[in-house]
PDB file of all heavy atoms in Angstrom:
ATOM      1  N   MET A   1      62.234  -5.145  30.191  1.00  0.00           N
ATOM      2  CA  MET A   1      62.210  -6.595  30.026  1.00  0.00           C
ATOM      3  C   MET A   1      63.619  -7.182  30.084  1.00  0.00           C
ATOM      4  O   MET A   1      63.827  -8.270  30.618  1.00  0.00           O
ATOM      5  CB  MET A   1      61.544  -6.959  28.699  1.00  0.00           C
ATOM      6  CG  MET A   1      60.045  -6.715  28.657  1.00  0.00           C
ATOM      7  SD  MET A   1      59.113  -7.674  29.881  1.00  0.00           S
ATOM      8  CE  MET A   1      59.381  -9.330  29.254  1.00  0.00           C
ATOM      9  N   VAL A   2      64.591  -6.467  29.546  1.00  0.00           N
ATOM     10  CA  VAL A   2      65.971  -6.968  29.512  1.00  0.00           C
ATOM     11  C   VAL A   2      66.665  -6.752  30.855  1.00  0.00           C
ATOM     12  O   VAL A   2      67.395  -7.625  31.350  1.00  0.00           O
ATOM     13  CB  VAL A   2      66.763  -6.270  28.388  1.00  0.00           C
ATOM     14  CG1 VAL A   2      68.242  -6.642  28.467  1.00  0.00           C
ATOM     15  CG2 VAL A   2      66.189  -6.643  27.028  1.00  0.00           C
ATOM     16  N   THR A   3      66.430  -5.598  31.476  1.00  0.00           N
ATOM     17  CA  THR A   3      67.172  -5.204  32.668  1.00  0.00           C
ATOM     18  C   THR A   3      66.566  -5.732  33.961  1.00  0.00           C
ATOM     19  O   THR A   3      67.290  -6.043  34.907  1.00  0.00           O
ATOM     20  CB  THR A   3      67.233  -3.659  32.747  1.00  0.00           C
ATOM     21  OG1 THR A   3      67.776  -3.153  31.535  1.00  0.00           O
ATOM     22  CG2 THR A   3      68.072  -3.201  33.922  1.00  0.00           C
ATOM     23  N   GLY A   4      65.231  -5.825  34.003  1.00  0.00           N
ATOM     24  CA  GLY A   4      64.551  -6.094  35.255  1.00  0.00           C
ATOM     25  C   GLY A   4      64.551  -7.537  35.693  1.00  0.00           C
ATOM     26  O   GLY A   4      64.887  -8.447  34.935  1.00  0.00           O
ATOM     27  N   HIS A   5      64.147  -7.730  36.933  1.00  0.00           N
ATOM     28  CA  HIS A   5      63.987  -9.050  37.528  1.00  0.00           C
ATOM     29  C   HIS A   5      62.547  -9.210  38.002  1.00  0.00           C
ATOM     30  O   HIS A   5      61.857  -8.230  38.296  1.00  0.00           O
ATOM     31  CB  HIS A   5      64.932  -9.223  38.727  1.00  0.00           C
ATOM     32  CG  HIS A   5      66.375  -9.032  38.391  1.00  0.00           C
ATOM     33  ND1 HIS A   5      67.172 -10.044  37.918  1.00  0.00           N
ATOM     34  CD2 HIS A   5      67.163  -7.925  38.444  1.00  0.00           C
ATOM     35  CE1 HIS A   5      68.387  -9.580  37.701  1.00  0.00           C
ATOM     36  NE2 HIS A   5      68.417  -8.303  38.017  1.00  0.00           N
ATOM     37  N   ILE A   6      62.086 -10.458  38.082  1.00  0.00           N
ATOM     38  CA  ILE A   6      60.756 -10.721  38.619  1.00  0.00           C
ATOM     39  C   ILE A   6      60.743 -10.312  40.093  1.00  0.00           C
ATOM     40  O   ILE A   6      61.574 -10.784  40.876  1.00  0.00           O
ATOM     41  CB  ILE A   6      60.381 -12.201  38.471  1.00  0.00           C
ATOM     42  CG1 ILE A   6      60.248 -12.567  36.989  1.00  0.00           C
ATOM     43  CG2 ILE A   6      59.087 -12.515  39.214  1.00  0.00           C
ATOM     44  CD1 ILE A   6      59.111 -11.872  36.268  1.00  0.00           C
ATOM     45  N   PRO A   7      59.823  -9.426  40.504  1.00  0.00           N
ATOM     46  CA  PRO A   7      59.796  -8.970  41.901  1.00  0.00           C
ATOM     47  C   PRO A   7      59.082  -9.966  42.799  1.00  0.00           C
ATOM     48  O   PRO A   7      57.905  -9.832  43.111  1.00  0.00           O
ATOM     49  CB  PRO A   7      59.017  -7.652  41.807  1.00  0.00           C
ATOM     50  CG  PRO A   7      58.106  -7.846  40.638  1.00  0.00           C
ATOM     51  CD  PRO A   7      58.827  -8.746  39.668  1.00  0.00           C
ATOM     52  N   LEU A   8      59.801 -10.996  43.214  1.00  0.00           N
ATOM     53  CA  LEU A   8      59.199 -11.995  44.088  1.00  0.00           C
ATOM     54  C   LEU A   8      58.720 -11.353  45.388  1.00  0.00           C
ATOM     55  O   LEU A   8      59.326 -10.393  45.877  1.00  0.00           O
ATOM     56  CB  LEU A   8      60.220 -13.093  44.413  1.00  0.00           C
ATOM     57  CG  LEU A   8      60.598 -14.046  43.282  1.00  0.00           C
ATOM     58  CD1 LEU A   8      61.669 -15.016  43.759  1.00  0.00           C
ATOM     59  CD2 LEU A   8      59.383 -14.806  42.766  1.00  0.00           C
ATOM     60  N   PRO A   9      57.638 -11.852  45.962  1.00  0.00           N
ATOM     61  CA  PRO A   9      57.161 -11.319  47.238  1.00  0.00           C
ATOM     62  C   PRO A   9      58.257 -11.375  48.299  1.00  0.00           C
ATOM     63  O   PRO A   9      59.103 -12.281  48.275  1.00  0.00           O
ATOM     64  CB  PRO A   9      55.996 -12.255  47.595  1.00  0.00           C
ATOM     65  CG  PRO A   9      55.539 -12.813  46.291  1.00  0.00           C
ATOM     66  CD  PRO A   9      56.771 -12.934  45.448  1.00  0.00           C
ATOM     67  N   PRO A  10      58.261 -10.431  49.235  1.00  0.00           N
ATOM     68  CA  PRO A  10      59.324 -10.377  50.250  1.00  0.00           C
ATOM     69  C   PRO A  10      59.491 -11.671  51.028  1.00  0.00           C
ATOM     70  O   PRO A  10      60.617 -12.046  51.384  1.00  0.00           O
ATOM     71  CB  PRO A  10      58.882  -9.236  51.166  1.00  0.00           C
ATOM     72  CG  PRO A  10      57.993  -8.387  50.313  1.00  0.00           C
ATOM     73  CD  PRO A  10      57.309  -9.317  49.370  1.00  0.00           C
ATOM     74  N   TYR A  11      58.386 -12.387  51.307  1.00  0.00           N
ATOM     75  CA  TYR A  11      58.472 -13.600  52.109  1.00  0.00           C
ATOM     76  C   TYR A  11      59.089 -14.762  51.331  1.00  0.00           C
ATOM     77  O   TYR A  11      59.459 -15.766  51.916  1.00  0.00           O
ATOM     78  CB  TYR A  11      57.088 -13.991  52.655  1.00  0.00           C
ATOM     79  CG  TYR A  11      55.961 -13.848  51.655  1.00  0.00           C
ATOM     80  CD1 TYR A  11      55.736 -14.803  50.677  1.00  0.00           C
ATOM     81  CD2 TYR A  11      55.124 -12.747  51.689  1.00  0.00           C
ATOM     82  CE1 TYR A  11      54.712 -14.660  49.755  1.00  0.00           C
ATOM     83  CE2 TYR A  11      54.087 -12.594  50.781  1.00  0.00           C
ATOM     84  CZ  TYR A  11      53.882 -13.553  49.817  1.00  0.00           C
ATOM     85  OH  TYR A  11      52.873 -13.401  48.903  1.00  0.00           O
ATOM     86  N   ILE A  12      59.227 -14.622  50.005  1.00  0.00           N
ATOM     87  CA  ILE A  12      59.973 -15.598  49.218  1.00  0.00           C
ATOM     88  C   ILE A  12      61.391 -15.083  48.971  1.00  0.00           C
ATOM     89  O   ILE A  12      62.375 -15.810  49.150  1.00  0.00           O
ATOM     90  CB  ILE A  12      59.269 -15.895  47.882  1.00  0.00           C
ATOM     91  CG1 ILE A  12      57.923 -16.590  48.122  1.00  0.00           C
ATOM     92  CG2 ILE A  12      60.152 -16.777  46.985  1.00  0.00           C
ATOM     93  CD1 ILE A  12      57.124 -16.851  46.851  1.00  0.00           C
ATOM     94  N   ALA A  13      61.494 -13.814  48.577  1.00  0.00           N
ATOM     95  CA  ALA A  13      62.797 -13.234  48.248  1.00  0.00           C
ATOM     96  C   ALA A  13      63.759 -13.254  49.431  1.00  0.00           C
ATOM     97  O   ALA A  13      64.974 -13.330  49.242  1.00  0.00           O
ATOM     98  CB  ALA A  13      62.608 -11.804  47.751  1.00  0.00           C
ATOM     99  N   SER A  14      63.222 -13.217  50.664  1.00  0.00           N
ATOM    100  CA  SER A  14      64.097 -13.243  51.838  1.00  0.00           C
ATOM    101  C   SER A  14      64.694 -14.627  52.075  1.00  0.00           C
ATOM    102  O   SER A  14      65.634 -14.775  52.859  1.00  0.00           O
ATOM    103  CB  SER A  14      63.325 -12.801  53.081  1.00  0.00           C
ATOM    104  OG  SER A  14      62.275 -13.708  53.374  1.00  0.00           O
ATOM    105  N   LYS A  15      64.150 -15.647  51.401  1.00  0.00           N
ATOM    106  CA  LYS A  15      64.593 -17.025  51.625  1.00  0.00           C
ATOM    107  C   LYS A  15      65.349 -17.625  50.443  1.00  0.00           C
ATOM    108  O   LYS A  15      66.099 -18.576  50.605  1.00  0.00           O
ATOM    109  CB  LYS A  15      63.391 -17.907  51.972  1.00  0.00           C
ATOM    110  CG  LYS A  15      62.718 -17.536  53.293  1.00  0.00           C
ATOM    111  CD  LYS A  15      61.508 -18.409  53.550  1.00  0.00           C
ATOM    112  CE  LYS A  15      60.941 -18.143  54.942  1.00  0.00           C
ATOM    113  NZ  LYS A  15      60.483 -16.747  55.087  1.00  0.00           N
ATOM    114  N   ARG A  16      65.148 -17.069  49.264  1.00  0.00           N
ATOM    115  CA  ARG A  16      65.877 -17.556  48.089  1.00  0.00           C
ATOM    116  C   ARG A  16      65.850 -16.490  47.009  1.00  0.00           C
ATOM    117  O   ARG A  16      65.003 -15.596  47.009  1.00  0.00           O
ATOM    118  CB  ARG A  16      65.274 -18.857  47.556  1.00  0.00           C
ATOM    119  CG  ARG A  16      63.887 -18.711  46.937  1.00  0.00           C
ATOM    120  CD  ARG A  16      63.498 -19.972  46.171  1.00  0.00           C
ATOM    121  NE  ARG A  16      62.185 -19.891  45.563  1.00  0.00           N
ATOM    122  CZ  ARG A  16      61.944 -19.337  44.373  1.00  0.00           C
ATOM    123  NH1 ARG A  16      62.929 -18.772  43.690  1.00  0.00           N
ATOM    124  NH2 ARG A  16      60.717 -19.319  43.872  1.00  0.00           N
ATOM    125  N   GLY A  17      66.782 -16.585  46.064  1.00  0.00           N
ATOM    126  CA  GLY A  17      66.823 -15.637  44.965  1.00  0.00           C
ATOM    127  C   GLY A  17      65.906 -16.045  43.828  1.00  0.00           C
ATOM    128  O   GLY A  17      65.461 -17.188  43.732  1.00  0.00           O
ATOM    129  N   GLU A  18      65.644 -15.087  42.954  1.00  0.00           N
ATOM    130  CA  GLU A  18      64.881 -15.362  41.742  1.00  0.00           C
ATOM    131  C   GLU A  18      65.694 -16.249  40.808  1.00  0.00           C
ATOM    132  O   GLU A  18      66.914 -16.134  40.731  1.00  0.00           O
ATOM    133  CB  GLU A  18      64.553 -14.027  41.048  1.00  0.00           C
ATOM    134  CG  GLU A  18      63.915 -14.187  39.683  1.00  0.00           C
ATOM    135  CD  GLU A  18      64.390 -13.140  38.685  1.00  0.00           C
ATOM    136  OE1 GLU A  18      65.297 -12.346  39.028  1.00  0.00           O
ATOM    137  OE2 GLU A  18      63.888 -13.150  37.550  1.00  0.00           O
ATOM    138  N   ASP A  19      65.026 -17.147  40.093  1.00  0.00           N
ATOM    139  CA  ASP A  19      65.704 -17.941  39.074  1.00  0.00           C
ATOM    140  C   ASP A  19      64.829 -18.025  37.831  1.00  0.00           C
ATOM    141  O   ASP A  19      63.729 -17.472  37.783  1.00  0.00           O
ATOM    142  CB  ASP A  19      66.091 -19.330  39.598  1.00  0.00           C
ATOM    143  CG  ASP A  19      64.899 -20.104  40.137  1.00  0.00           C
ATOM    144  OD1 ASP A  19      63.779 -19.954  39.600  1.00  0.00           O
ATOM    145  OD2 ASP A  19      65.079 -20.878  41.105  1.00  0.00           O
ATOM    146  N   GLU A  20      65.319 -18.726  36.814  1.00  0.00           N
ATOM    147  CA  GLU A  20      64.614 -18.774  35.532  1.00  0.00           C
ATOM    148  C   GLU A  20      63.219 -19.364  35.654  1.00  0.00           C
ATOM    149  O   GLU A  20      62.296 -18.974  34.944  1.00  0.00           O
ATOM    150  CB  GLU A  20      65.437 -19.573  34.513  1.00  0.00           C
ATOM    151  CG  GLU A  20      66.518 -18.769  33.820  1.00  0.00           C
ATOM    152  CD  GLU A  20      65.982 -17.537  33.105  1.00  0.00           C
ATOM    153  OE1 GLU A  20      65.020 -17.672  32.316  1.00  0.00           O
ATOM    154  OE2 GLU A  20      66.500 -16.440  33.352  1.00  0.00           O
ATOM    155  N   SER A  21      63.024 -20.308  36.554  1.00  0.00           N
ATOM    156  CA  SER A  21      61.716 -20.937  36.683  1.00  0.00           C
ATOM    157  C   SER A  21      60.658 -19.942  37.155  1.00  0.00           C
ATOM    158  O   SER A  21      59.470 -20.104  36.856  1.00  0.00           O
ATOM    159  CB  SER A  21      61.778 -22.127  37.640  1.00  0.00           C
ATOM    160  OG  SER A  21      62.117 -21.716  38.949  1.00  0.00           O
ATOM    161  N   ASP A  22      61.074 -18.892  37.876  1.00  0.00           N
ATOM    162  CA  ASP A  22      60.106 -17.916  38.362  1.00  0.00           C
ATOM    163  C   ASP A  22      59.472 -17.136  37.213  1.00  0.00           C
ATOM    164  O   ASP A  22      58.315 -16.722  37.318  1.00  0.00           O
ATOM    165  CB  ASP A  22      60.760 -16.950  39.341  1.00  0.00           C
ATOM    166  CG  ASP A  22      61.092 -17.611  40.672  1.00  0.00           C
ATOM    167  OD1 ASP A  22      60.201 -18.242  41.260  1.00  0.00           O
ATOM    168  OD2 ASP A  22      62.257 -17.522  41.105  1.00  0.00           O
ATOM    169  N   ARG A  23      60.190 -16.930  36.130  1.00  0.00           N
ATOM    170  CA  ARG A  23      59.598 -16.209  34.991  1.00  0.00           C
ATOM    171  C   ARG A  23      58.436 -17.005  34.407  1.00  0.00           C
ATOM    172  O   ARG A  23      57.521 -16.426  33.820  1.00  0.00           O
ATOM    173  CB  ARG A  23      60.658 -15.946  33.921  1.00  0.00           C
ATOM    174  CG  ARG A  23      61.693 -14.917  34.353  1.00  0.00           C
ATOM    175  CD  ARG A  23      62.081 -14.001  33.226  1.00  0.00           C
ATOM    176  NE  ARG A  23      62.925 -12.906  33.672  1.00  0.00           N
ATOM    177  CZ  ARG A  23      63.155 -11.813  32.964  1.00  0.00           C
ATOM    178  NH1 ARG A  23      62.581 -11.664  31.786  1.00  0.00           N
ATOM    179  NH2 ARG A  23      63.929 -10.856  33.434  1.00  0.00           N
ATOM    180  N   ARG A  24      58.460 -18.315  34.573  1.00  0.00           N
ATOM    181  CA  ARG A  24      57.349 -19.166  34.126  1.00  0.00           C
ATOM    182  C   ARG A  24      56.330 -19.368  35.245  1.00  0.00           C
ATOM    183  O   ARG A  24      55.128 -19.213  35.036  1.00  0.00           O
ATOM    184  CB  ARG A  24      57.902 -20.528  33.683  1.00  0.00           C
ATOM    185  CG  ARG A  24      56.821 -21.529  33.279  1.00  0.00           C
ATOM    186  CD  ARG A  24      57.402 -22.921  33.109  1.00  0.00           C
ATOM    187  NE  ARG A  24      57.873 -23.478  34.384  1.00  0.00           N
ATOM    188  CZ  ARG A  24      59.141 -23.688  34.681  1.00  0.00           C
ATOM    189  NH1 ARG A  24      60.097 -23.414  33.798  1.00  0.00           N
ATOM    190  NH2 ARG A  24      59.479 -24.195  35.860  1.00  0.00           N
ATOM    191  N   ASP A  25      56.814 -19.678  36.439  1.00  0.00           N
ATOM    192  CA  ASP A  25      55.914 -20.037  37.542  1.00  0.00           C
ATOM    193  C   ASP A  25      55.103 -18.861  38.053  1.00  0.00           C
ATOM    194  O   ASP A  25      53.967 -19.034  38.501  1.00  0.00           O
ATOM    195  CB  ASP A  25      56.721 -20.631  38.704  1.00  0.00           C
ATOM    196  CG  ASP A  25      57.366 -21.959  38.359  1.00  0.00           C
ATOM    197  OD1 ASP A  25      56.902 -22.608  37.404  1.00  0.00           O
ATOM    198  OD2 ASP A  25      58.331 -22.333  39.040  1.00  0.00           O
ATOM    199  N   TYR A  26      55.678 -17.653  38.006  1.00  0.00           N
ATOM    200  CA  TYR A  26      55.017 -16.475  38.573  1.00  0.00           C
ATOM    201  C   TYR A  26      54.218 -15.738  37.486  1.00  0.00           C
ATOM    202  O   TYR A  26      54.225 -14.514  37.403  1.00  0.00           O
ATOM    203  CB  TYR A  26      56.054 -15.556  39.209  1.00  0.00           C
ATOM    204  CG  TYR A  26      55.515 -14.592  40.242  1.00  0.00           C
ATOM    205  CD1 TYR A  26      54.821 -15.046  41.360  1.00  0.00           C
ATOM    206  CD2 TYR A  26      55.720 -13.224  40.118  1.00  0.00           C
ATOM    207  CE1 TYR A  26      54.338 -14.157  42.309  1.00  0.00           C
ATOM    208  CE2 TYR A  26      55.242 -12.325  41.079  1.00  0.00           C
ATOM    209  CZ  TYR A  26      54.549 -12.806  42.163  1.00  0.00           C
ATOM    210  OH  TYR A  26      54.068 -11.926  43.118  1.00  0.00           O
ATOM    211  N   GLN A  27      53.535 -16.528  36.654  1.00  0.00           N
ATOM    212  CA  GLN A  27      52.754 -15.996  35.547  1.00  0.00           C
ATOM    213  C   GLN A  27      51.598 -16.946  35.280  1.00  0.00           C
ATOM    214  O   GLN A  27      51.791 -18.170  35.249  1.00  0.00           O
ATOM    215  CB  GLN A  27      53.625 -15.897  34.295  1.00  0.00           C
ATOM    216  CG  GLN A  27      53.127 -14.978  33.213  1.00  0.00           C
ATOM    217  CD  GLN A  27      53.469 -13.526  33.488  1.00  0.00           C
ATOM    218  OE1 GLN A  27      52.645 -12.799  34.032  1.00  0.00           O
ATOM    219  NE2 GLN A  27      54.675 -13.090  33.123  1.00  0.00           N
ATOM    220  N   THR A  28      50.388 -16.419  35.127  1.00  0.00           N
ATOM    221  CA  THR A  28      49.265 -17.288  34.772  1.00  0.00           C
ATOM    222  C   THR A  28      49.399 -17.726  33.320  1.00  0.00           C
ATOM    223  O   THR A  28      50.057 -17.061  32.508  1.00  0.00           O
ATOM    224  CB  THR A  28      47.931 -16.549  34.963  1.00  0.00           C
ATOM    225  OG1 THR A  28      47.861 -15.448  34.043  1.00  0.00           O
ATOM    226  CG2 THR A  28      47.784 -16.042  36.391  1.00  0.00           C
ATOM    227  N   ILE A  29      48.747 -18.846  32.969  1.00  0.00           N
ATOM    228  CA  ILE A  29      48.859 -19.345  31.597  1.00  0.00           C
ATOM    229  C   ILE A  29      48.049 -18.501  30.621  1.00  0.00           C
ATOM    230  O   ILE A  29      48.227 -18.629  29.404  1.00  0.00           O
ATOM    231  CB  ILE A  29      48.419 -20.826  31.506  1.00  0.00           C
ATOM    232  CG1 ILE A  29      46.935 -20.969  31.872  1.00  0.00           C
ATOM    233  CG2 ILE A  29      49.296 -21.713  32.380  1.00  0.00           C
ATOM    234  CD1 ILE A  29      46.380 -22.365  31.582  1.00  0.00           C
TER     235      ILE A  29
END
């Protein structure tokens, strides 16, 4: 949890980096 990053899909990761909003957006409520 401390070391890792959200593994964005390749078609997103190739166009932009992960940011803090992804930890919220890439998770169901």
